[in-house]
Protein backbone atom coordinates (compact mmCIF):
# COMPACT_ATOMS: atom_id res chain seq x y z
CA MET A 1 130.12 74.30 127.19
CA PRO A 2 133.78 73.58 127.83
CA ALA A 3 135.74 76.28 129.54
CA ASP A 4 139.13 77.15 128.21
CA CYS A 5 140.55 77.82 131.63
CA GLY A 6 144.13 77.97 130.48
CA ALA A 7 143.46 80.70 127.93
CA GLU A 8 141.29 82.72 130.25
CA SER A 9 143.73 82.56 133.13
CA ARG A 10 146.25 84.41 130.98
CA GLY A 11 143.85 87.32 130.49
CA VAL A 12 142.43 88.17 133.89
CA GLY A 13 141.03 91.67 134.28
CA ALA A 14 141.26 94.08 137.18
CA ALA A 15 138.21 92.60 138.92
CA GLY A 16 139.70 89.09 138.81
CA VAL A 17 137.40 88.11 135.93
CA PRO A 18 138.92 86.74 132.70
CA ARG A 19 138.73 89.27 129.90
CA ALA A 20 137.41 86.60 127.54
CA VAL A 21 134.48 86.00 129.90
CA VAL A 22 133.76 89.72 130.17
CA ALA A 23 133.93 89.99 126.38
CA ARG A 24 131.37 87.20 125.89
CA LEU A 25 128.97 88.67 128.43
CA ALA A 26 129.43 92.15 126.95
CA LEU A 27 128.72 90.76 123.47
CA LEU A 28 125.50 89.22 124.75
CA ALA A 29 124.41 92.51 126.35
CA GLY A 30 125.35 94.31 123.16
CA GLY A 31 123.47 91.93 120.88
CA ALA A 32 120.19 92.34 122.77
CA GLY A 33 120.60 96.09 123.26
CA LEU A 34 121.43 96.74 119.61
CA LEU A 35 118.09 95.28 118.56
CA PHE A 36 116.21 97.59 120.91
CA GLY A 37 118.11 100.65 119.69
CA VAL A 38 117.88 99.80 116.00
CA ASP A 39 114.11 99.37 116.33
CA LEU A 40 113.79 102.82 117.96
CA GLY A 41 115.94 104.53 115.34
CA GLY A 42 114.68 102.63 112.32
CA ILE A 43 110.96 103.12 112.84
CA GLY A 44 111.39 106.85 113.50
CA GLY A 45 113.07 107.37 110.14
CA ALA A 46 110.64 105.08 108.29
CA LEU A 47 107.41 106.82 109.29
CA ALA A 48 107.46 109.38 106.46
CA GLY A 49 107.88 106.67 103.82
CA MET A 50 105.16 104.51 105.38
CA GLU A 51 102.78 107.47 105.27
CA GLU A 52 103.38 107.84 101.52
CA ASP A 53 103.35 104.16 100.47
CA LEU A 54 100.84 102.62 102.90
CA GLY A 55 98.67 105.64 103.58
CA VAL A 56 99.46 105.65 107.29
CA VAL A 57 97.77 108.72 108.73
CA GLY A 58 96.70 110.15 112.08
CA ALA A 59 96.21 107.58 114.79
CA GLN A 60 97.63 104.84 112.57
CA VAL A 61 101.09 106.40 112.93
CA GLN A 62 100.91 106.03 116.72
CA LEU A 63 99.55 102.49 116.29
CA VAL A 64 102.44 101.38 114.09
CA VAL A 65 104.95 102.77 116.59
CA SER A 66 103.27 101.77 119.85
CA VAL A 67 102.04 98.29 118.90
CA ALA A 68 105.63 97.05 119.34
CA ARG A 69 105.35 98.10 122.99
CA ALA A 70 102.13 96.11 123.32
CA GLY A 71 103.93 93.07 121.92
CA ALA A 72 106.81 93.74 124.29
CA VAL A 73 104.45 93.60 127.31
CA LEU A 74 103.36 90.13 126.18
CA GLY A 75 106.98 89.22 125.46
CA CYS A 76 108.05 90.21 128.97
CA LEU A 77 105.53 87.90 130.59
CA LEU A 78 106.22 85.10 128.10
CA GLY A 79 109.96 85.64 128.46
CA GLY A 80 109.72 85.39 132.23
CA SER A 81 107.96 82.02 131.90
CA LEU A 82 110.44 80.76 129.31
CA ALA A 83 113.32 81.82 131.52
CA ALA A 84 111.82 79.98 134.48
CA VAL A 85 111.00 76.74 132.61
CA ARG A 86 113.68 76.45 129.93
CA GLY A 87 116.45 78.64 131.36
CA ARG A 88 117.74 82.17 130.94
CA ARG A 89 119.95 81.38 127.96
CA ALA A 90 117.18 79.45 126.24
CA ALA A 91 114.81 82.42 126.65
CA ILE A 92 117.32 84.74 124.97
CA GLU A 93 117.65 82.23 122.13
CA ALA A 94 113.86 82.17 121.76
CA ALA A 95 113.86 85.96 121.26
CA VAL A 96 115.77 85.59 118.00
CA LEU A 97 112.79 84.03 116.14
CA PRO A 98 110.39 87.00 116.56
CA PHE A 99 113.27 89.32 115.62
CA VAL A 100 113.46 87.46 112.31
CA LEU A 101 109.75 86.95 111.58
CA GLY A 102 108.64 90.47 112.56
CA PRO A 103 111.06 92.40 110.31
CA LEU A 104 110.38 89.97 107.45
CA ALA A 105 106.67 90.75 107.74
CA ILE A 106 107.46 94.48 107.61
CA VAL A 107 109.68 94.08 104.54
CA CYS A 108 106.95 92.14 102.70
CA CYS A 109 103.87 94.03 103.94
CA ARG A 110 101.42 95.64 101.52
CA SER A 111 99.03 97.21 104.02
CA VAL A 112 98.96 99.02 107.34
CA HIS A 113 97.51 95.93 109.02
CA ALA A 114 100.40 93.72 107.87
CA ALA A 115 102.89 96.31 109.13
CA VAL A 116 101.12 96.36 112.51
CA VAL A 117 101.34 92.56 112.74
CA GLY A 118 105.05 92.66 111.91
CA ARG A 119 105.66 95.33 114.55
CA LEU A 120 103.66 93.32 117.10
CA VAL A 121 105.73 90.17 116.49
CA LEU A 122 108.97 92.17 116.66
CA GLY A 123 107.78 93.62 119.96
CA VAL A 124 107.31 90.14 121.43
CA GLY A 125 110.96 89.39 120.72
CA LEU A 126 111.93 92.76 122.16
CA GLY A 127 110.11 91.95 125.41
CA ILE A 128 111.62 88.48 125.73
CA ALA A 129 115.16 89.76 125.16
CA THR A 130 114.73 92.78 127.43
CA VAL A 131 113.54 90.74 130.41
CA SER A 132 115.84 87.74 130.00
CA THR A 133 119.13 89.43 129.09
CA PRO A 134 119.48 91.68 132.19
CA LEU A 135 118.21 88.78 134.30
CA TYR A 136 120.92 86.50 132.89
CA LEU A 137 123.63 89.13 133.31
CA SER A 138 122.62 89.87 136.89
CA GLU A 139 122.83 86.15 137.77
CA VAL A 140 126.17 85.25 136.16
CA SER A 141 128.15 88.50 136.55
CA PRO A 142 130.52 88.80 139.52
CA PRO A 143 129.35 91.53 141.93
CA ALA A 144 132.41 93.66 141.15
CA ILE A 145 131.35 94.19 137.51
CA ARG A 146 127.64 93.43 137.65
CA GLY A 147 126.58 97.07 137.43
CA GLN A 148 128.83 97.81 134.46
CA LEU A 149 127.73 94.73 132.50
CA VAL A 150 124.04 95.40 133.05
CA SER A 151 124.62 99.05 132.08
CA LEU A 152 126.21 97.88 128.82
CA PHE A 153 122.71 96.84 127.77
CA GLU A 154 121.71 100.53 127.76
CA LEU A 155 124.95 101.48 125.98
CA ALA A 156 124.16 98.96 123.25
CA ILE A 157 120.68 100.48 122.89
CA ALA A 158 122.31 103.89 122.36
CA LEU A 159 124.77 102.48 119.84
CA GLY A 160 121.94 100.70 118.03
CA PHE A 161 119.93 103.92 117.85
CA LEU A 162 122.93 105.85 116.53
CA LEU A 163 123.65 103.09 113.99
CA ALA A 164 120.02 103.13 112.83
CA ALA A 165 119.97 106.94 112.59
CA PHE A 166 123.13 106.85 110.47
CA ALA A 167 121.73 104.04 108.28
CA VAL A 168 118.46 105.95 107.78
CA TRP A 169 120.41 109.01 106.62
CA ALA A 170 122.74 106.95 104.39
CA ILE A 171 119.82 105.18 102.73
CA GLU A 172 118.05 108.47 102.01
CA GLU A 173 121.27 110.09 100.77
CA TYR A 174 122.92 107.34 98.72
CA VAL A 175 120.38 104.57 98.00
CA ALA A 176 117.06 106.36 97.42
CA PRO A 177 114.90 105.77 95.51
CA CYS A 178 114.78 102.25 96.92
CA PRO A 179 112.93 99.32 95.33
CA GLY A 180 109.66 98.98 97.24
CA GLY A 181 110.39 102.04 99.39
CA CYS A 182 113.32 102.97 101.61
CA TRP A 183 111.19 102.52 104.73
CA ARG A 184 111.25 98.73 104.22
CA TYR A 185 115.02 98.76 104.68
CA GLN A 186 114.87 101.18 107.61
CA ALA A 187 112.11 99.43 109.60
CA GLY A 188 112.61 95.86 108.34
CA VAL A 189 116.03 94.99 106.97
CA LEU A 190 117.96 96.84 109.70
CA PRO A 191 116.35 94.96 112.66
CA LEU A 192 116.63 91.70 110.71
CA CYS A 193 120.39 92.14 110.30
CA MET A 194 120.78 92.98 114.00
CA ALA A 195 119.29 89.60 114.97
CA VAL A 196 122.53 87.96 113.81
CA PRO A 197 124.82 89.31 116.59
CA LEU A 198 122.37 88.15 119.27
CA ALA A 199 122.07 84.69 117.72
CA LEU A 200 125.86 84.36 117.71
CA ALA A 201 126.43 85.84 121.17
CA VAL A 202 124.00 83.53 122.93
CA ARG A 203 125.92 80.50 121.64
CA LEU A 204 129.08 81.70 123.39
CA VAL A 205 127.74 81.70 126.95
CA PRO A 206 126.57 78.89 129.26
CA GLU A 207 123.23 78.58 130.98
CA SER A 208 122.83 80.56 134.20
CA PRO A 209 124.25 78.52 137.11
CA ARG A 210 121.63 80.03 139.41
CA TRP A 211 118.86 78.66 137.21
CA LEU A 212 120.59 75.27 136.96
CA LEU A 213 120.58 75.11 140.76
CA SER A 214 116.93 76.13 141.02
CA SER A 215 113.99 73.74 141.40
CA SER A 216 112.95 74.58 137.81
CA CYS A 217 115.89 72.58 136.43
CA ARG A 218 115.21 68.85 136.75
CA ARG A 219 118.37 67.47 135.14
CA PRO A 220 119.76 64.67 137.33
CA ASP A 221 123.28 65.96 136.68
CA ARG A 222 122.39 69.59 137.35
CA PHE A 223 125.09 70.00 140.00
CA VAL A 224 127.80 68.97 137.52
CA VAL A 225 126.35 71.16 134.75
CA ALA A 226 126.15 74.11 137.14
CA LEU A 227 129.84 73.69 138.06
CA GLU A 228 130.78 73.56 134.39
CA ALA A 229 128.77 76.72 133.75
CA MET A 230 130.50 78.48 136.67
CA LEU A 231 133.89 77.49 135.32
CA SER A 232 132.88 78.85 131.91
CA VAL A 233 132.23 82.29 133.43
CA GLY A 234 135.50 82.41 135.36
CA ARG A 235 134.40 81.09 138.76
CA TRP A 236 137.57 79.09 139.34
CA GLU A 237 136.59 77.61 142.71
CA ALA A 238 134.07 75.46 140.85
CA GLY A 239 137.05 73.57 139.39
CA GLU A 240 137.98 71.98 142.71
CA ARG A 241 134.45 70.69 143.15
CA LEU A 242 134.56 69.20 139.66
CA ARG A 243 137.88 67.51 140.50
CA ARG A 244 136.51 66.07 143.72
CA ALA A 245 133.47 64.76 141.83
CA GLY A 246 135.76 63.08 139.29
CA TRP A 247 134.98 65.38 136.37
CA ALA A 248 138.01 67.68 136.23
CA ASP A 249 140.05 65.28 134.09
CA ARG A 250 137.19 65.08 131.61
CA LYS A 251 137.10 68.85 131.00
CA GLU A 252 139.05 69.80 127.90
CA GLY A 253 141.61 72.50 128.56
CA SER A 254 141.27 72.37 132.35
CA ASP A 255 143.99 74.36 134.07
CA GLU A 256 145.41 72.65 137.13
CA GLU A 257 146.14 76.08 138.61
CA HIS A 258 142.42 76.58 139.08
CA LEU A 259 141.70 73.09 140.41
CA THR A 260 143.44 73.33 143.75
CA ALA A 261 141.21 75.60 145.80
CA SER A 262 139.70 74.19 148.96
CA THR A 263 136.10 73.03 148.93
CA GLU A 264 135.75 74.17 152.51
CA GLY A 265 134.00 77.53 152.17
CA SER A 266 134.19 80.15 149.45
CA ALA A 267 133.86 83.90 148.92
CA ASP A 268 132.27 83.40 145.48
CA ASP A 269 128.51 83.98 145.60
CA LEU A 270 127.72 81.31 142.98
CA VAL A 271 129.98 78.72 144.58
CA VAL A 272 128.46 79.43 148.01
CA LEU A 273 125.00 78.89 146.49
CA TRP A 274 126.17 75.62 144.91
CA ASP A 275 127.58 74.41 148.24
CA GLU A 276 124.30 75.19 150.02
CA GLN A 277 122.13 73.50 147.38
CA HIS A 278 124.41 70.50 147.12
CA ALA A 279 124.49 70.03 150.90
CA ALA A 280 120.70 70.39 151.10
CA ALA A 281 120.37 67.61 148.49
CA GLY A 282 122.55 65.27 150.57
CA SER A 283 125.86 65.93 148.74
CA PRO A 284 125.09 63.43 145.94
CA LEU A 285 128.25 64.15 143.92
CA TRP A 286 130.56 63.30 146.82
CA ALA A 287 128.70 60.05 147.46
CA GLU A 288 128.70 59.07 143.77
CA ALA A 289 132.38 60.00 143.42
CA GLU A 290 133.30 57.73 146.33
CA THR A 291 131.17 54.90 144.88
CA ALA A 292 132.75 55.31 141.44
CA CYS A 293 136.22 55.34 143.01
CA CYS A 294 135.59 52.17 145.01
CA ASN A 295 133.93 50.29 142.13
CA GLY A 296 136.20 51.59 139.39
CA GLY A 297 133.20 52.98 137.60
CA ASP A 298 132.60 56.19 135.77
CA ALA A 299 131.55 59.52 137.16
CA PRO A 300 127.87 60.35 137.01
CA SER A 301 126.61 60.53 133.48
CA GLN A 302 125.45 63.78 132.03
CA GLY A 303 121.80 64.22 131.24
CA THR A 304 120.45 65.04 127.82
CA ASP A 305 118.72 68.18 126.66
CA SER A 306 115.49 66.23 126.28
CA GLU A 307 115.32 65.88 130.04
CA THR A 308 114.80 69.65 130.35
CA THR A 309 112.37 69.96 127.47
CA SER A 310 109.02 71.34 128.58
CA GLY A 311 105.90 71.67 126.49
CA CYS A 312 103.70 74.68 125.94
CA SER A 313 101.39 73.51 128.70
CA GLU A 314 104.14 73.75 131.29
CA ILE A 315 105.19 77.18 130.05
CA LEU A 316 101.58 78.39 130.28
CA ALA A 317 101.26 76.87 133.74
CA THR A 318 104.45 78.64 134.77
CA LEU A 319 103.08 81.87 133.33
CA GLY A 320 100.00 81.45 135.49
CA ALA A 321 102.12 80.76 138.57
CA GLN A 322 104.31 83.75 137.75
CA LEU A 323 101.27 86.03 137.48
CA GLN A 324 100.12 84.72 140.86
CA ASP A 325 103.55 85.59 142.32
CA ILE A 326 103.36 89.06 140.78
CA PHE A 327 99.88 89.69 142.16
CA GLY A 328 100.97 88.25 145.50
CA MET A 329 103.93 90.61 145.70
CA ALA A 330 101.77 93.52 144.55
CA SER A 331 99.22 92.80 147.31
CA GLY A 332 101.89 92.22 149.98
CA ALA A 333 101.03 88.57 150.70
CA LYS A 334 102.45 87.45 154.05
CA ALA A 335 103.66 84.07 152.74
CA LEU A 336 106.30 85.74 150.55
CA PRO A 337 109.92 86.27 151.64
CA ASP A 338 110.52 89.54 153.42
CA GLY A 339 111.29 92.43 151.12
CA THR A 340 110.01 90.94 147.86
CA SER A 341 106.92 93.17 147.66
CA ARG A 342 108.92 96.32 148.34
CA ALA A 343 111.62 95.31 145.85
CA MET A 344 109.13 94.64 143.06
CA ALA A 345 107.26 97.88 143.80
CA LEU A 346 110.47 99.94 143.64
CA ALA A 347 111.62 98.17 140.47
CA THR A 348 108.24 98.70 138.79
CA ILE A 349 108.05 102.36 139.79
CA THR A 350 111.59 102.92 138.48
CA THR A 351 110.87 101.41 135.06
CA THR A 352 107.50 103.17 134.76
CA LEU A 353 109.06 106.56 135.50
CA ASN A 354 111.86 105.77 133.07
CA MET A 355 109.44 105.38 130.18
CA ALA A 356 107.00 108.07 131.36
CA CYS A 357 109.77 110.68 131.04
CA GLY A 358 109.21 110.58 127.28
CA SER A 359 112.75 109.85 126.09
CA SER A 360 111.54 107.21 123.62
CA ALA A 361 108.92 109.60 122.22
CA ILE A 362 111.61 112.22 121.58
CA LEU A 363 113.84 109.65 119.88
CA VAL A 364 111.07 108.21 117.69
CA TYR A 365 109.24 111.43 116.81
CA GLY A 366 112.26 113.77 116.93
CA GLN A 367 112.54 114.07 113.15
CA MET A 368 108.82 114.79 112.83
CA MET A 369 109.12 117.48 115.51
CA ILE A 370 112.02 119.03 113.60
CA GLY A 371 109.90 119.02 110.45
CA LEU A 372 107.08 120.85 112.23
CA LEU A 373 109.58 123.58 113.16
CA GLY A 374 110.17 124.36 109.48
CA VAL A 375 112.88 121.93 108.37
CA GLN A 376 111.42 120.38 105.22
CA SER A 377 114.46 118.53 103.84
CA LYS A 378 114.30 114.84 104.78
CA ILE A 379 118.10 114.59 104.69
CA VAL A 380 118.50 117.53 107.08
CA GLN A 381 115.90 115.96 109.38
CA ASP A 382 117.91 112.73 109.36
CA LEU A 383 121.15 114.58 110.13
CA LEU A 384 119.54 116.39 113.08
CA GLY A 385 118.19 113.00 114.17
CA LEU A 386 121.81 111.84 114.26
CA LEU A 387 122.51 114.73 116.64
CA LEU A 388 119.82 113.43 119.02
CA ALA A 389 121.24 109.92 118.77
CA LEU A 390 124.73 111.23 119.57
CA ALA A 391 123.39 113.05 122.66
CA LYS A 392 121.87 109.78 123.86
CA LEU A 393 125.10 107.86 123.28
CA LEU A 394 127.23 110.45 125.12
CA GLY A 395 124.76 110.35 128.02
CA VAL A 396 125.00 106.58 128.30
CA VAL A 397 128.82 106.65 128.17
CA ALA A 398 128.85 109.26 130.94
CA GLY A 399 126.32 107.19 132.88
CA LEU A 400 128.54 104.10 132.77
CA VAL A 401 131.21 106.08 134.59
CA ILE A 402 128.87 107.89 136.98
CA VAL A 403 126.94 104.77 138.05
CA LYS A 404 130.13 103.30 139.56
CA HIS A 405 130.75 106.30 141.81
CA CYS A 406 127.30 107.65 142.72
CA ASP A 407 124.61 106.05 144.87
CA ARG A 408 121.41 105.26 143.01
CA ARG A 409 119.06 107.57 144.92
CA HIS A 410 121.09 110.75 144.39
CA LEU A 411 121.81 109.85 140.77
CA LEU A 412 118.12 109.44 139.93
CA GLY A 413 117.16 112.59 141.85
CA LEU A 414 119.74 114.84 140.23
CA GLY A 415 119.05 113.33 136.83
CA GLY A 416 115.32 114.00 137.13
CA ALA A 417 115.88 117.64 138.12
CA SER A 418 118.29 118.19 135.20
CA CYS A 419 115.85 116.63 132.75
CA MET A 420 113.09 118.97 133.93
CA VAL A 421 115.26 122.05 133.29
CA CYS A 422 116.17 120.86 129.78
CA LEU A 423 112.52 120.17 128.91
CA LEU A 424 111.62 123.69 130.00
CA VAL A 425 114.27 125.03 127.62
CA ALA A 426 112.90 122.90 124.76
CA THR A 427 109.36 124.06 125.53
CA ALA A 428 110.45 127.70 125.45
CA GLY A 429 112.04 127.07 122.06
CA THR A 430 108.83 125.65 120.61
CA PHE A 431 106.81 128.67 121.75
CA THR A 432 109.33 131.05 120.18
CA ASN A 433 109.81 128.79 117.10
CA LEU A 434 113.59 128.82 117.59
CA LEU A 435 115.02 125.53 116.31
CA PRO A 436 118.49 125.93 117.93
CA VAL A 437 116.88 126.42 121.36
CA VAL A 438 114.70 123.35 120.86
CA LEU A 439 117.70 121.27 119.80
CA VAL A 440 119.71 122.42 122.83
CA GLY A 441 116.82 121.51 125.13
CA LEU A 442 116.20 118.10 123.52
CA CYS A 443 119.89 117.15 123.34
CA GLY A 444 120.40 118.31 126.91
CA PHE A 445 117.41 116.28 128.06
CA LEU A 446 118.63 113.13 126.31
CA PHE A 447 122.14 113.53 127.73
CA CYS A 448 120.92 114.14 131.30
CA PHE A 449 118.31 111.37 131.12
CA PHE A 450 120.61 108.68 129.80
CA CYS A 451 123.51 109.48 132.12
CA SER A 452 121.12 108.99 135.06
CA TRP A 453 117.75 107.29 134.63
CA GLY A 454 118.47 105.61 131.31
CA THR A 455 121.63 103.90 132.58
CA ALA A 456 120.76 103.38 136.24
CA THR A 457 117.29 101.89 135.69
CA TRP A 458 118.54 98.48 134.56
CA VAL A 459 121.15 98.43 137.32
CA VAL A 460 118.55 99.30 139.97
CA VAL A 461 116.13 96.64 138.71
CA ALA A 462 118.87 93.98 138.63
CA GLU A 463 120.07 94.87 142.13
CA LEU A 464 116.55 94.92 143.55
CA THR A 465 115.42 91.62 142.06
CA ALA A 466 118.57 89.43 142.00
CA GLY A 467 118.61 88.70 145.73
CA PHE A 468 115.31 86.82 146.05
CA GLY A 469 116.14 83.66 144.15
CA PRO A 470 115.15 82.59 140.63
CA ARG A 471 111.41 82.35 141.36
CA TYR A 472 110.68 85.79 142.81
CA GLY A 473 113.58 87.50 141.06
CA ASN A 474 112.28 86.24 137.73
CA ALA A 475 108.71 87.39 138.47
CA SER A 476 109.87 90.81 139.70
CA GLN A 477 112.07 91.34 136.64
CA ALA A 478 109.22 90.38 134.31
CA ALA A 479 106.77 92.70 136.10
CA ALA A 480 109.18 95.65 136.09
CA THR A 481 110.08 95.25 132.41
CA ALA A 482 106.42 94.77 131.42
CA ALA A 483 105.58 97.97 133.32
CA LEU A 484 108.24 99.81 131.31
CA PHE A 485 106.76 98.78 127.97
CA LEU A 486 103.20 99.24 129.19
CA ALA A 487 104.02 102.84 130.16
CA GLY A 488 105.56 103.33 126.70
CA TRP A 489 102.50 101.88 125.01
CA VAL A 490 100.07 104.07 126.96
CA ALA A 491 102.23 107.17 126.64
């Protein structure tokens, strides 16, 4: 992917990162997060219609909601393998297909079983996107803005939930009665439309340079491709290495201003990694550049995409190896790098506690809870659901500011204590049957949760797992994200 260095150099942000690069990465985080949020908001508003049209009753309601979490557990493990074999960007691209097929199955379903299958397929895409997007962002983002970019994933979830809550209300208010049932639009058409931003966003970013430099990438020109990817995400020191290798003049739009840095040492974490990997491989680009210069030949040719194509057998083999790494880290195997077991344990505990707090249950079943407190109008239920969505969004916005100025341990501790107080208020309201008290407790809980645990969880997981290389970082991220969805499925 060619980097328009000249354009980006004219729009450098405060952290020294081009604003165009930040915008592309933010769009990617937003595309994946929107899908998660729209699914949460859409299915909550669709349950009443599914009960009427499909006869969903009792335990079937929980099955329709929770089966997406079961699919997400599978998607996390599959996404981790795809990310290891085919690349982080390729894994995010693969998530788009289940996000199309699953909602289509829901739109066309005529039975509870078909709806369950559609939700299961959608959940697989949810798991793949949720494990691969934060992993990608943590690998390509400069340290100065890594926390904010990863946190944008949670902000996009909140925006998606608010968008879905508004769409559910608008459909009930202005479109109903809908052909085939309004729930098909709320649980099917909405997620299907949200697959478009992700499909577009993933085409605007390069593959992760860290993955390109890993042993999983077998392209013979991987060092050149990795430098091009670094340049595409604003790592200007990669330009000098491209020039020395004889590739700078072949890059469209290359800016000479960014092709003059010394190749002797760097403060950029990705460039330092490239230097180490390139030196360990015997500095092949420098040798080939000198040969090409002496012989008048061309620079090393770029490989084709077919060279990185791996079949299902390799993905399954990688999945098996990844599970072995996960079990090895869980059992504290001595052969592993120091700190990997502790990092995975902390990441997994963090995500499990995140989901066990019940925020997703409140968001999904909030309208049903409001109905049980005496509010019979579906439109009023939807409007109060919008209030819950707004509380979540405000919490995430506050969390994006707080996470930059507060250490993770104190943030999670204070957030947990505040959530407990708010839940006690909501519980008191249910015993006294006072709807305003319940709403204050629930909105307060959502605000406190998402300005602490909801926002910080993804940052903590990214920070804990990014430092152990693609192999163990990938396995730890997959395990932590799978634990999150598993806790949601069980809860």
